[in-house]
Amino acid sequence: MAMTACRECGKEISTTAKACPNCGASVPRSGMPKWLWVPIGLVAGFVLMLVIGALAPPPDEEDRARMTIKACWEQQGRKSNTPDTARGLAGACEWMEREFQAKYRHAP
């Protein structure tokens, strides 16, 4: 057990003591403050999410093509499109569906 001097009375006390047995002064604890655990926890959580995201398998080519076709039809269905734009997008979406069927031999 290591000994240190009390900040108040100067007598030697144990480093594990919570208060000086001579004068009763509390002994300051070294270590990390409790509030510091919050940002450390947030950073650790963020790093954990990055690791999980890096280890998750990426979508394969077929899934990406299916998601692209779905996004195309969603864009085509927007009310803000002019009739010409909606027709052009519908043609592009139909073309993507035909290409998907030719490549994967089933409907998206």
PDB file of N, CA and C in Angstrom:
ATOM      1  N   MET A   1       0.858  -1.161   0.000  1.00  0.00           N
ATOM      2  CA  MET A   1       0.000   0.000   0.000  1.00  0.00           C
ATOM      3  C   MET A   1       0.913   1.236   0.000  1.00  0.00           C
ATOM      4  N   ALA A   2       0.654   2.154  -0.930  1.00  0.00           N
ATOM      5  CA  ALA A   2       1.453   3.366  -1.051  1.00  0.00           C
ATOM      6  C   ALA A   2       0.897   4.442  -0.120  1.00  0.00           C
ATOM      7  N   MET A   3       1.790   5.323   0.265  1.00  0.00           N
ATOM      8  CA  MET A   3       1.406   6.410   1.167  1.00  0.00           C
ATOM      9  C   MET A   3       1.593   7.740   0.451  1.00  0.00           C
ATOM     10  N   THR A   4       0.766   8.714   0.827  1.00  0.00           N
ATOM     11  CA  THR A   4       0.861  10.061   0.275  1.00  0.00           C
ATOM     12  C   THR A   4       0.559  11.053   1.389  1.00  0.00           C
ATOM     13  N   ALA A   5       0.860  12.315   1.162  1.00  0.00           N
ATOM     14  CA  ALA A   5       0.610  13.341   2.183  1.00  0.00           C
ATOM     15  C   ALA A   5      -0.786  13.919   2.008  1.00  0.00           C
ATOM     16  N   CYS A   6      -1.466  14.184   3.112  1.00  0.00           N
ATOM     17  CA  CYS A   6      -2.782  14.824   3.096  1.00  0.00           C
ATOM     18  C   CYS A   6      -2.619  16.262   2.629  1.00  0.00           C
ATOM     19  N   ARG A   7      -3.523  16.734   1.805  1.00  0.00           N
ATOM     20  CA  ARG A   7      -3.435  18.116   1.298  1.00  0.00           C
ATOM     21  C   ARG A   7      -3.746  19.132   2.391  1.00  0.00           C
ATOM     22  N   GLU A   8      -4.495  18.734   3.394  1.00  0.00           N
ATOM     23  CA  GLU A   8      -4.899  19.670   4.439  1.00  0.00           C
ATOM     24  C   GLU A   8      -3.908  19.723   5.607  1.00  0.00           C
ATOM     25  N   CYS A   9      -3.612  18.551   6.189  1.00  0.00           N
ATOM     26  CA  CYS A   9      -2.786  18.565   7.404  1.00  0.00           C
ATOM     27  C   CYS A   9      -1.356  18.101   7.165  1.00  0.00           C
ATOM     28  N   GLY A  10      -1.065  17.509   6.039  1.00  0.00           N
ATOM     29  CA  GLY A  10       0.293  17.086   5.712  1.00  0.00           C
ATOM     30  C   GLY A  10       0.688  15.729   6.270  1.00  0.00           C
ATOM     31  N   LYS A  11      -0.152  15.076   7.051  1.00  0.00           N
ATOM     32  CA  LYS A  11       0.160  13.753   7.594  1.00  0.00           C
ATOM     33  C   LYS A  11       0.102  12.718   6.467  1.00  0.00           C
ATOM     34  N   GLU A  12       0.846  11.629   6.652  1.00  0.00           N
ATOM     35  CA  GLU A  12       0.836  10.578   5.640  1.00  0.00           C
ATOM     36  C   GLU A  12      -0.432   9.738   5.767  1.00  0.00           C
ATOM     37  N   ILE A  13      -1.049   9.483   4.598  1.00  0.00           N
ATOM     38  CA  ILE A  13      -2.252   8.653   4.556  1.00  0.00           C
ATOM     39  C   ILE A  13      -2.115   7.668   3.401  1.00  0.00           C
ATOM     40  N   SER A  14      -2.904   6.645   3.428  1.00  0.00           N
ATOM     41  CA  SER A  14      -2.903   5.644   2.367  1.00  0.00           C
ATOM     42  C   SER A  14      -3.504   6.230   1.092  1.00  0.00           C
ATOM     43  N   THR A  15      -2.999   5.779  -0.037  1.00  0.00           N
ATOM     44  CA  THR A  15      -3.554   6.245  -1.315  1.00  0.00           C
ATOM     45  C   THR A  15      -4.939   5.658  -1.562  1.00  0.00           C
ATOM     46  N   THR A  16      -5.315   4.624  -0.819  1.00  0.00           N
ATOM     47  CA  THR A  16      -6.641   4.033  -0.983  1.00  0.00           C
ATOM     48  C   THR A  16      -7.661   4.611  -0.001  1.00  0.00           C
ATOM     49  N   ALA A  17      -7.223   5.502   0.905  1.00  0.00           N
ATOM     50  CA  ALA A  17      -8.133   6.089   1.886  1.00  0.00           C
ATOM     51  C   ALA A  17      -9.073   7.072   1.216  1.00  0.00           C
ATOM     52  N   LYS A  18     -10.330   7.106   1.695  1.00  0.00           N
ATOM     53  CA  LYS A  18     -11.309   8.042   1.155  1.00  0.00           C
ATOM     54  C   LYS A  18     -11.234   9.391   1.858  1.00  0.00           C
ATOM     55  N   ALA A  19     -10.728   9.387   3.088  1.00  0.00           N
ATOM     56  CA  ALA A  19     -10.579  10.617   3.859  1.00  0.00           C
ATOM     57  C   ALA A  19      -9.374  10.476   4.772  1.00  0.00           C
ATOM     58  N   CYS A  20      -8.803  11.588   5.144  1.00  0.00           N
ATOM     59  CA  CYS A  20      -7.656  11.590   6.046  1.00  0.00           C
ATOM     60  C   CYS A  20      -8.130  11.187   7.445  1.00  0.00           C
ATOM     61  N   PRO A  21      -7.513  10.175   8.068  1.00  0.00           N
ATOM     62  CA  PRO A  21      -7.937   9.777   9.409  1.00  0.00           C
ATOM     63  C   PRO A  21      -7.587  10.820  10.471  1.00  0.00           C
ATOM     64  N   ASN A  22      -6.661  11.718  10.158  1.00  0.00           N
ATOM     65  CA  ASN A  22      -6.238  12.728  11.130  1.00  0.00           C
ATOM     66  C   ASN A  22      -7.179  13.929  11.124  1.00  0.00           C
ATOM     67  N   CYS A  23      -7.413  14.530   9.925  1.00  0.00           N
ATOM     68  CA  CYS A  23      -8.222  15.753   9.871  1.00  0.00           C
ATOM     69  C   CYS A  23      -9.589  15.550   9.225  1.00  0.00           C
ATOM     70  N   GLY A  24      -9.817  14.433   8.559  1.00  0.00           N
ATOM     71  CA  GLY A  24     -11.120  14.150   7.945  1.00  0.00           C
ATOM     72  C   GLY A  24     -11.295  14.722   6.550  1.00  0.00           C
ATOM     73  N   ALA A  25     -10.244  15.365   6.028  1.00  0.00           N
ATOM     74  CA  ALA A  25     -10.356  15.938   4.681  1.00  0.00           C
ATOM     75  C   ALA A  25     -10.507  14.818   3.647  1.00  0.00           C
ATOM     76  N   SER A  26     -11.372  15.046   2.677  1.00  0.00           N
ATOM     77  CA  SER A  26     -11.566  14.025   1.643  1.00  0.00           C
ATOM     78  C   SER A  26     -10.363  14.004   0.710  1.00  0.00           C
ATOM     79  N   VAL A  27     -10.058  12.816   0.237  1.00  0.00           N
ATOM     80  CA  VAL A  27      -8.916  12.631  -0.656  1.00  0.00           C
ATOM     81  C   VAL A  27      -9.444  12.662  -2.088  1.00  0.00           C
ATOM     82  N   PRO A  28      -8.904  13.551  -2.936  1.00  0.00           N
ATOM     83  CA  PRO A  28      -9.381  13.594  -4.321  1.00  0.00           C
ATOM     84  C   PRO A  28      -9.018  12.301  -5.050  1.00  0.00           C
ATOM     85  N   ARG A  29      -9.915  11.842  -5.827  1.00  0.00           N
ATOM     86  CA  ARG A  29      -9.703  10.624  -6.599  1.00  0.00           C
ATOM     87  C   ARG A  29      -9.163  10.987  -7.969  1.00  0.00           C
ATOM     88  N   SER A  30      -8.130  10.299  -8.346  1.00  0.00           N
ATOM     89  CA  SER A  30      -7.653  10.476  -9.714  1.00  0.00           C
ATOM     90  C   SER A  30      -8.454   9.525 -10.588  1.00  0.00           C
ATOM     91  N   GLY A  31      -8.515   9.821 -11.807  1.00  0.00           N
ATOM     92  CA  GLY A  31      -9.288   8.981 -12.727  1.00  0.00           C
ATOM     93  C   GLY A  31     -10.179   9.843 -13.593  1.00  0.00           C
ATOM     94  N   MET A  32     -10.926   9.183 -14.412  1.00  0.00           N
ATOM     95  CA  MET A  32     -11.754   9.874 -15.367  1.00  0.00           C
ATOM     96  C   MET A  32     -13.053  10.347 -14.716  1.00  0.00           C
ATOM     97  N   PRO A  33     -13.441  11.607 -14.966  1.00  0.00           N
ATOM     98  CA  PRO A  33     -14.719  12.090 -14.432  1.00  0.00           C
ATOM     99  C   PRO A  33     -15.887  11.309 -15.056  1.00  0.00           C
ATOM    100  N   LYS A  34     -16.993  11.198 -14.323  1.00  0.00           N
ATOM    101  CA  LYS A  34     -18.136  10.419 -14.799  1.00  0.00           C
ATOM    102  C   LYS A  34     -18.747  11.006 -16.069  1.00  0.00           C
ATOM    103  N   TRP A  35     -18.767  12.332 -16.211  1.00  0.00           N
ATOM    104  CA  TRP A  35     -19.381  12.947 -17.386  1.00  0.00           C
ATOM    105  C   TRP A  35     -18.624  12.604 -18.662  1.00  0.00           C
ATOM    106  N   LEU A  36     -17.351  12.233 -18.541  1.00  0.00           N
ATOM    107  CA  LEU A  36     -16.548  11.926 -19.716  1.00  0.00           C
ATOM    108  C   LEU A  36     -16.955  10.603 -20.354  1.00  0.00           C
ATOM    109  N   TRP A  37     -17.667   9.755 -19.608  1.00  0.00           N
ATOM    110  CA  TRP A  37     -18.096   8.479 -20.162  1.00  0.00           C
ATOM    111  C   TRP A  37     -19.157   8.640 -21.242  1.00  0.00           C
ATOM    112  N   VAL A  38     -19.931   9.719 -21.202  1.00  0.00           N
ATOM    113  CA  VAL A  38     -20.981   9.930 -22.210  1.00  0.00           C
ATOM    114  C   VAL A  38     -20.383  10.106 -23.603  1.00  0.00           C
ATOM    115  N   PRO A  39     -19.451  11.059 -23.824  1.00  0.00           N
ATOM    116  CA  PRO A  39     -18.893  11.174 -25.172  1.00  0.00           C
ATOM    117  C   PRO A  39     -18.100   9.936 -25.596  1.00  0.00           C
ATOM    118  N   ILE A  40     -17.453   9.290 -24.627  1.00  0.00           N
ATOM    119  CA  ILE A  40     -16.719   8.068 -24.967  1.00  0.00           C
ATOM    120  C   ILE A  40     -17.700   6.989 -25.441  1.00  0.00           C
ATOM    121  N   GLY A  41     -18.832   6.874 -24.777  1.00  0.00           N
ATOM    122  CA  GLY A  41     -19.855   5.913 -25.183  1.00  0.00           C
ATOM    123  C   GLY A  41     -20.412   6.228 -26.563  1.00  0.00           C
ATOM    124  N   LEU A  42     -20.631   7.521 -26.850  1.00  0.00           N
ATOM    125  CA  LEU A  42     -21.127   7.899 -28.170  1.00  0.00           C
ATOM    126  C   LEU A  42     -20.119   7.573 -29.263  1.00  0.00           C
ATOM    127  N   VAL A  43     -18.865   7.879 -29.026  1.00  0.00           N
ATOM    128  CA  VAL A  43     -17.827   7.568 -30.020  1.00  0.00           C
ATOM    129  C   VAL A  43     -17.705   6.058 -30.211  1.00  0.00           C
ATOM    130  N   ALA A  44     -17.746   5.312 -29.114  1.00  0.00           N
ATOM    131  CA  ALA A  44     -17.658   3.851 -29.218  1.00  0.00           C
ATOM    132  C   ALA A  44     -18.852   3.284 -29.988  1.00  0.00           C
ATOM    133  N   GLY A  45     -20.039   3.829 -29.759  1.00  0.00           N
ATOM    134  CA  GLY A  45     -21.219   3.389 -30.500  1.00  0.00           C
ATOM    135  C   GLY A  45     -21.106   3.686 -31.979  1.00  0.00           C
ATOM    136  N   PHE A  46     -20.582   4.866 -32.315  1.00  0.00           N
ATOM    137  CA  PHE A  46     -20.391   5.238 -33.716  1.00  0.00           C
ATOM    138  C   PHE A  46     -19.387   4.304 -34.390  1.00  0.00           C
ATOM    139  N   VAL A  47     -18.284   4.024 -33.712  1.00  0.00           N
ATOM    140  CA  VAL A  47     -17.276   3.112 -34.263  1.00  0.00           C
ATOM    141  C   VAL A  47     -17.869   1.716 -34.444  1.00  0.00           C
ATOM    142  N   LEU A  48     -18.672   1.276 -33.483  1.00  0.00           N
ATOM    143  CA  LEU A  48     -19.312  -0.032 -33.587  1.00  0.00           C
ATOM    144  C   LEU A  48     -20.238  -0.090 -34.806  1.00  0.00           C
ATOM    145  N   MET A  49     -21.001   0.983 -35.042  1.00  0.00           N
ATOM    146  CA  MET A  49     -21.876   1.013 -36.216  1.00  0.00           C
ATOM    147  C   MET A  49     -21.061   0.986 -37.506  1.00  0.00           C
ATOM    148  N   LEU A  50     -19.926   1.673 -37.536  1.00  0.00           N
ATOM    149  CA  LEU A  50     -19.064   1.641 -38.717  1.00  0.00           C
ATOM    150  C   LEU A  50     -18.542   0.235 -38.978  1.00  0.00           C
ATOM    151  N   VAL A  51     -18.136  -0.453 -37.920  1.00  0.00           N
ATOM    152  CA  VAL A  51     -17.621  -1.816 -38.074  1.00  0.00           C
ATOM    153  C   VAL A  51     -18.714  -2.751 -38.574  1.00  0.00           C
ATOM    154  N   ILE A  52     -19.913  -2.649 -37.995  1.00  0.00           N
ATOM    155  CA  ILE A  52     -21.018  -3.502 -38.426  1.00  0.00           C
ATOM    156  C   ILE A  52     -21.375  -3.209 -39.879  1.00  0.00           C
ATOM    157  N   GLY A  53     -21.386  -1.928 -40.247  1.00  0.00           N
ATOM    158  CA  GLY A  53     -21.673  -1.570 -41.633  1.00  0.00           C
ATOM    159  C   GLY A  53     -20.619  -2.078 -42.596  1.00  0.00           C
ATOM    160  N   ALA A  54     -19.372  -2.072 -42.167  1.00  0.00           N
ATOM    161  CA  ALA A  54     -18.298  -2.559 -43.033  1.00  0.00           C
ATOM    162  C   ALA A  54     -18.359  -4.076 -43.192  1.00  0.00           C
ATOM    163  N   LEU A  55     -18.835  -4.772 -42.176  1.00  0.00           N
ATOM    164  CA  LEU A  55     -18.908  -6.228 -42.238  1.00  0.00           C
ATOM    165  C   LEU A  55     -20.179  -6.739 -42.903  1.00  0.00           C
ATOM    166  N   ALA A  56     -21.202  -5.897 -43.018  1.00  0.00           N
ATOM    167  CA  ALA A  56     -22.456  -6.321 -43.641  1.00  0.00           C
ATOM    168  C   ALA A  56     -22.223  -6.535 -45.130  1.00  0.00           C
ATOM    169  N   PRO A  57     -22.802  -7.575 -45.673  1.00  0.00           N
ATOM    170  CA  PRO A  57     -22.590  -7.822 -47.100  1.00  0.00           C
ATOM    171  C   PRO A  57     -23.281  -6.753 -47.941  1.00  0.00           C
ATOM    172  N   PRO A  58     -22.614  -6.260 -48.952  1.00  0.00           N
ATOM    173  CA  PRO A  58     -23.239  -5.254 -49.810  1.00  0.00           C
ATOM    174  C   PRO A  58     -24.313  -5.903 -50.676  1.00  0.00           C
ATOM    175  N   PRO A  59     -25.277  -5.113 -51.139  1.00  0.00           N
ATOM    176  CA  PRO A  59     -26.292  -5.705 -52.008  1.00  0.00           C
ATOM    177  C   PRO A  59     -25.643  -6.178 -53.299  1.00  0.00           C
ATOM    178  N   ASP A  60     -26.105  -7.305 -53.797  1.00  0.00           N
ATOM    179  CA  ASP A  60     -25.525  -7.814 -55.029  1.00  0.00           C
ATOM    180  C   ASP A  60     -26.080  -7.041 -56.231  1.00  0.00           C
ATOM    181  N   GLU A  61     -25.576  -7.371 -57.392  1.00  0.00           N
ATOM    182  CA  GLU A  61     -25.928  -6.636 -58.607  1.00  0.00           C
ATOM    183  C   GLU A  61     -27.425  -6.729 -58.904  1.00  0.00           C
ATOM    184  N   GLU A  62     -28.010  -7.889 -58.684  1.00  0.00           N
ATOM    185  CA  GLU A  62     -29.443  -8.057 -58.956  1.00  0.00           C
ATOM    186  C   GLU A  62     -30.280  -7.186 -58.024  1.00  0.00           C
ATOM    187  N   ASP A  63     -29.911  -7.138 -56.757  1.00  0.00           N
ATOM    188  CA  ASP A  63     -30.639  -6.291 -55.805  1.00  0.00           C
ATOM    189  C   ASP A  63     -30.510  -4.818 -56.166  1.00  0.00           C
ATOM    190  N   ARG A  64     -29.313  -4.406 -56.576  1.00  0.00           N
ATOM    191  CA  ARG A  64     -29.124  -2.999 -56.978  1.00  0.00           C
ATOM    192  C   ARG A  64     -29.980  -2.670 -58.193  1.00  0.00           C
ATOM    193  N   ALA A  65     -30.048  -3.587 -59.160  1.00  0.00           N
ATOM    194  CA  ALA A  65     -30.864  -3.345 -60.350  1.00  0.00           C
ATOM    195  C   ALA A  65     -32.335  -3.245 -59.975  1.00  0.00           C
ATOM    196  N   ARG A  66     -32.789  -4.122 -59.063  1.00  0.00           N
ATOM    197  CA  ARG A  66     -34.177  -4.094 -58.617  1.00  0.00           C
ATOM    198  C   ARG A  66     -34.487  -2.783 -57.895  1.00  0.00           C
ATOM    199  N   MET A  67     -33.577  -2.314 -57.049  1.00  0.00           N
ATOM    200  CA  MET A  67     -33.786  -1.048 -56.333  1.00  0.00           C
ATOM    201  C   MET A  67     -33.789   0.134 -57.296  1.00  0.00           C
ATOM    202  N   THR A  68     -32.969   0.073 -58.346  1.00  0.00           N
ATOM    203  CA  THR A  68     -32.925   1.153 -59.330  1.00  0.00           C
ATOM    204  C   THR A  68     -34.243   1.226 -60.092  1.00  0.00           C
ATOM    205  N   ILE A  69     -34.789   0.085 -60.471  1.00  0.00           N
ATOM    206  CA  ILE A  69     -36.069   0.068 -61.173  1.00  0.00           C
ATOM    207  C   ILE A  69     -37.172   0.614 -60.272  1.00  0.00           C
ATOM    208  N   LYS A  70     -37.154   0.228 -59.007  1.00  0.00           N
ATOM    209  CA  LYS A  70     -38.160   0.728 -58.062  1.00  0.00           C
ATOM    210  C   LYS A  70     -38.051   2.247 -57.924  1.00  0.00           C
ATOM    211  N   ALA A  71     -36.821   2.756 -57.812  1.00  0.00           N
ATOM    212  CA  ALA A  71     -36.628   4.207 -57.698  1.00  0.00           C
ATOM    213  C   ALA A  71     -37.085   4.915 -58.978  1.00  0.00           C
ATOM    214  N   CYS A  72     -36.879   4.285 -60.127  1.00  0.00           N
ATOM    215  CA  CYS A  72     -37.312   4.863 -61.394  1.00  0.00           C
ATOM    216  C   CYS A  72     -38.827   5.033 -61.420  1.00  0.00           C
ATOM    217  N   TRP A  73     -39.545   3.984 -61.012  1.00  0.00           N
ATOM    218  CA  TRP A  73     -41.004   4.062 -61.011  1.00  0.00           C
ATOM    219  C   TRP A  73     -41.509   5.073 -59.974  1.00  0.00           C
ATOM    220  N   GLU A  74     -40.815   5.184 -58.857  1.00  0.00           N
ATOM    221  CA  GLU A  74     -41.208   6.192 -57.860  1.00  0.00           C
ATOM    222  C   GLU A  74     -41.027   7.592 -58.418  1.00  0.00           C
ATOM    223  N   GLN A  75     -39.923   7.807 -59.124  1.00  0.00           N
ATOM    224  CA  GLN A  75     -39.671   9.115 -59.733  1.00  0.00           C
ATOM    225  C   GLN A  75     -40.718   9.401 -60.821  1.00  0.00           C
ATOM    226  N   GLN A  76     -41.061   8.389 -61.578  1.00  0.00           N
ATOM    227  CA  GLN A  76     -42.033   8.560 -62.651  1.00  0.00           C
ATOM    228  C   GLN A  76     -43.409   8.901 -62.093  1.00  0.00           C
ATOM    229  N   GLY A  77     -43.745   8.384 -60.916  1.00  0.00           N
ATOM    230  CA  GLY A  77     -45.060   8.604 -60.328  1.00  0.00           C
ATOM    231  C   GLY A  77     -45.229   9.939 -59.616  1.00  0.00           C
ATOM    232  N   ARG A  78     -44.218  10.746 -59.578  1.00  0.00           N
ATOM    233  CA  ARG A  78     -44.346  12.039 -58.885  1.00  0.00           C
ATOM    234  C   ARG A  78     -45.299  12.962 -59.649  1.00  0.00           C
ATOM    235  N   LYS A  79     -46.106  13.683 -58.897  1.00  0.00           N
ATOM    236  CA  LYS A  79     -47.087  14.570 -59.516  1.00  0.00           C
ATOM    237  C   LYS A  79     -46.451  15.820 -60.115  1.00  0.00           C
ATOM    238  N   SER A  80     -45.229  16.140 -59.707  1.00  0.00           N
ATOM    239  CA  SER A  80     -44.581  17.342 -60.207  1.00  0.00           C
ATOM    240  C   SER A  80     -44.030  17.169 -61.624  1.00  0.00           C
ATOM    241  N   ASN A  81     -44.041  15.938 -62.135  1.00  0.00           N
ATOM    242  CA  ASN A  81     -43.537  15.701 -63.485  1.00  0.00           C
ATOM    243  C   ASN A  81     -44.528  16.241 -64.516  1.00  0.00           C
ATOM    244  N   THR A  82     -43.980  16.774 -65.593  1.00  0.00           N
ATOM    245  CA  THR A  82     -44.829  17.140 -66.719  1.00  0.00           C
ATOM    246  C   THR A  82     -45.219  15.858 -67.438  1.00  0.00           C
ATOM    247  N   PRO A  83     -46.270  15.891 -68.256  1.00  0.00           N
ATOM    248  CA  PRO A  83     -46.655  14.671 -68.972  1.00  0.00           C
ATOM    249  C   PRO A  83     -45.527  14.107 -69.838  1.00  0.00           C
ATOM    250  N   ASP A  84     -44.759  14.979 -70.494  1.00  0.00           N
ATOM    251  CA  ASP A  84     -43.651  14.493 -71.326  1.00  0.00           C
ATOM    252  C   ASP A  84     -42.574  13.827 -70.477  1.00  0.00           C
ATOM    253  N   THR A  85     -42.269  14.413 -69.343  1.00  0.00           N
ATOM    254  CA  THR A  85     -41.260  13.838 -68.455  1.00  0.00           C
ATOM    255  C   THR A  85     -41.732  12.487 -67.917  1.00  0.00           C
ATOM    256  N   ALA A  86     -43.009  12.408 -67.531  1.00  0.00           N
ATOM    257  CA  ALA A  86     -43.552  11.160 -67.003  1.00  0.00           C
ATOM    258  C   ALA A  86     -43.492  10.056 -68.066  1.00  0.00           C
ATOM    259  N   ARG A  87     -43.819  10.401 -69.330  1.00  0.00           N
ATOM    260  CA  ARG A  87     -43.742   9.410 -70.406  1.00  0.00           C
ATOM    261  C   ARG A  87     -42.310   8.972 -70.646  1.00  0.00           C
ATOM    262  N   GLY A  88     -41.379   9.913 -70.628  1.00  0.00           N
ATOM    263  CA  GLY A  88     -39.964   9.572 -70.825  1.00  0.00           C
ATOM    264  C   GLY A  88     -39.440   8.674 -69.723  1.00  0.00           C
ATOM    265  N   LEU A  89     -39.808   8.986 -68.481  1.00  0.00           N
ATOM    266  CA  LEU A  89     -39.377   8.152 -67.357  1.00  0.00           C
ATOM    267  C   LEU A  89     -40.016   6.763 -67.425  1.00  0.00           C
ATOM    268  N   ALA A  90     -41.278   6.691 -67.826  1.00  0.00           N
ATOM    269  CA  ALA A  90     -41.933   5.390 -67.941  1.00  0.00           C
ATOM    270  C   ALA A  90     -41.218   4.535 -68.982  1.00  0.00           C
ATOM    271  N   GLY A  91     -40.822   5.150 -70.094  1.00  0.00           N
ATOM    272  CA  GLY A  91     -40.087   4.409 -71.116  1.00  0.00           C
ATOM    273  C   GLY A  91     -38.754   3.897 -70.583  1.00  0.00           C
ATOM    274  N   ALA A  92     -38.064   4.729 -69.810  1.00  0.00           N
ATOM    275  CA  ALA A  92     -36.777   4.312 -69.243  1.00  0.00           C
ATOM    276  C   ALA A  92     -36.974   3.182 -68.237  1.00  0.00           C
ATOM    277  N   CYS A  93     -38.025   3.280 -67.414  1.00  0.00           N
ATOM    278  CA  CYS A  93     -38.292   2.235 -66.421  1.00  0.00           C
ATOM    279  C   CYS A  93     -38.646   0.917 -67.108  1.00  0.00           C
ATOM    280  N   GLU A  94     -39.457   0.994 -68.154  1.00  0.00           N
ATOM    281  CA  GLU A  94     -39.816  -0.220 -68.891  1.00  0.00           C
ATOM    282  C   GLU A  94     -38.593  -0.842 -69.548  1.00  0.00           C
ATOM    283  N   TRP A  95     -37.707  -0.001 -70.091  1.00  0.00           N
ATOM    284  CA  TRP A  95     -36.482  -0.507 -70.706  1.00  0.00           C
ATOM    285  C   TRP A  95     -35.619  -1.233 -69.663  1.00  0.00           C
ATOM    286  N   MET A  96     -35.502  -0.627 -68.450  1.00  0.00           N
ATOM    287  CA  MET A  96     -34.721  -1.271 -67.389  1.00  0.00           C
ATOM    288  C   MET A  96     -35.330  -2.605 -66.994  1.00  0.00           C
ATOM    289  N   GLU A  97     -36.670  -2.680 -66.944  1.00  0.00           N
ATOM    290  CA  GLU A  97     -37.322  -3.945 -66.613  1.00  0.00           C
ATOM    291  C   GLU A  97     -37.050  -5.006 -67.682  1.00  0.00           C
ATOM    292  N   ARG A  98     -37.094  -4.617 -68.959  1.00  0.00           N
ATOM    293  CA  ARG A  98     -36.798  -5.579 -70.028  1.00  0.00           C
ATOM    294  C   ARG A  98     -35.365  -6.076 -69.928  1.00  0.00           C
ATOM    295  N   GLU A  99     -34.424  -5.174 -69.656  1.00  0.00           N
ATOM    296  CA  GLU A  99     -33.026  -5.570 -69.509  1.00  0.00           C
ATOM    297  C   GLU A  99     -32.849  -6.518 -68.316  1.00  0.00           C
ATOM    298  N   PHE A 100     -33.538  -6.231 -67.225  1.00  0.00           N
ATOM    299  CA  PHE A 100     -33.478  -7.078 -66.033  1.00  0.00           C
ATOM    300  C   PHE A 100     -33.991  -8.478 -66.365  1.00  0.00           C
ATOM    301  N   GLN A 101     -35.136  -8.555 -67.046  1.00  0.00           N
ATOM    302  CA  GLN A 101     -35.718  -9.857 -67.393  1.00  0.00           C
ATOM    303  C   GLN A 101     -34.810 -10.635 -68.340  1.00  0.00           C
ATOM    304  N   ALA A 102     -34.180  -9.935 -69.278  1.00  0.00           N
ATOM    305  CA  ALA A 102     -33.283 -10.615 -70.209  1.00  0.00           C
ATOM    306  C   ALA A 102     -32.049 -11.155 -69.482  1.00  0.00           C
ATOM    307  N   LYS A 103     -31.550 -10.420 -68.510  1.00  0.00           N
ATOM    308  CA  LYS A 103     -30.331 -10.819 -67.818  1.00  0.00           C
ATOM    309  C   LYS A 103     -30.588 -11.881 -66.748  1.00  0.00           C
ATOM    310  N   TYR A 104     -31.650 -11.725 -65.963  1.00  0.00           N
ATOM    311  CA  TYR A 104     -31.886 -12.607 -64.813  1.00  0.00           C
ATOM    312  C   TYR A 104     -32.990 -13.630 -65.042  1.00  0.00           C
ATOM    313  N   ARG A 105     -33.675 -13.567 -66.154  1.00  0.00           N
ATOM    314  CA  ARG A 105     -34.697 -14.535 -66.548  1.00  0.00           C
ATOM    315  C   ARG A 105     -35.907 -14.564 -65.618  1.00  0.00           C
ATOM    316  N   HIS A 106     -36.180 -13.462 -64.918  1.00  0.00           N
ATOM    317  CA  HIS A 106     -37.404 -13.328 -64.129  1.00  0.00           C
ATOM    318  C   HIS A 106     -37.692 -11.856 -63.944  1.00  0.00           C
ATOM    319  N   ALA A 107     -38.932 -11.556 -63.558  1.00  0.00           N
ATOM    320  CA  ALA A 107     -39.345 -10.164 -63.386  1.00  0.00           C
ATOM    321  C   ALA A 107     -38.719  -9.578 -62.123  1.00  0.00           C
ATOM    322  N   PRO A 108     -38.479  -8.286 -62.148  1.00  0.00           N
ATOM    323  CA  PRO A 108     -37.920  -7.655 -60.944  1.00  0.00           C
ATOM    324  C   PRO A 108     -38.968  -7.620 -59.886  1.00  0.00           C
TER     325      PRO A 108
END
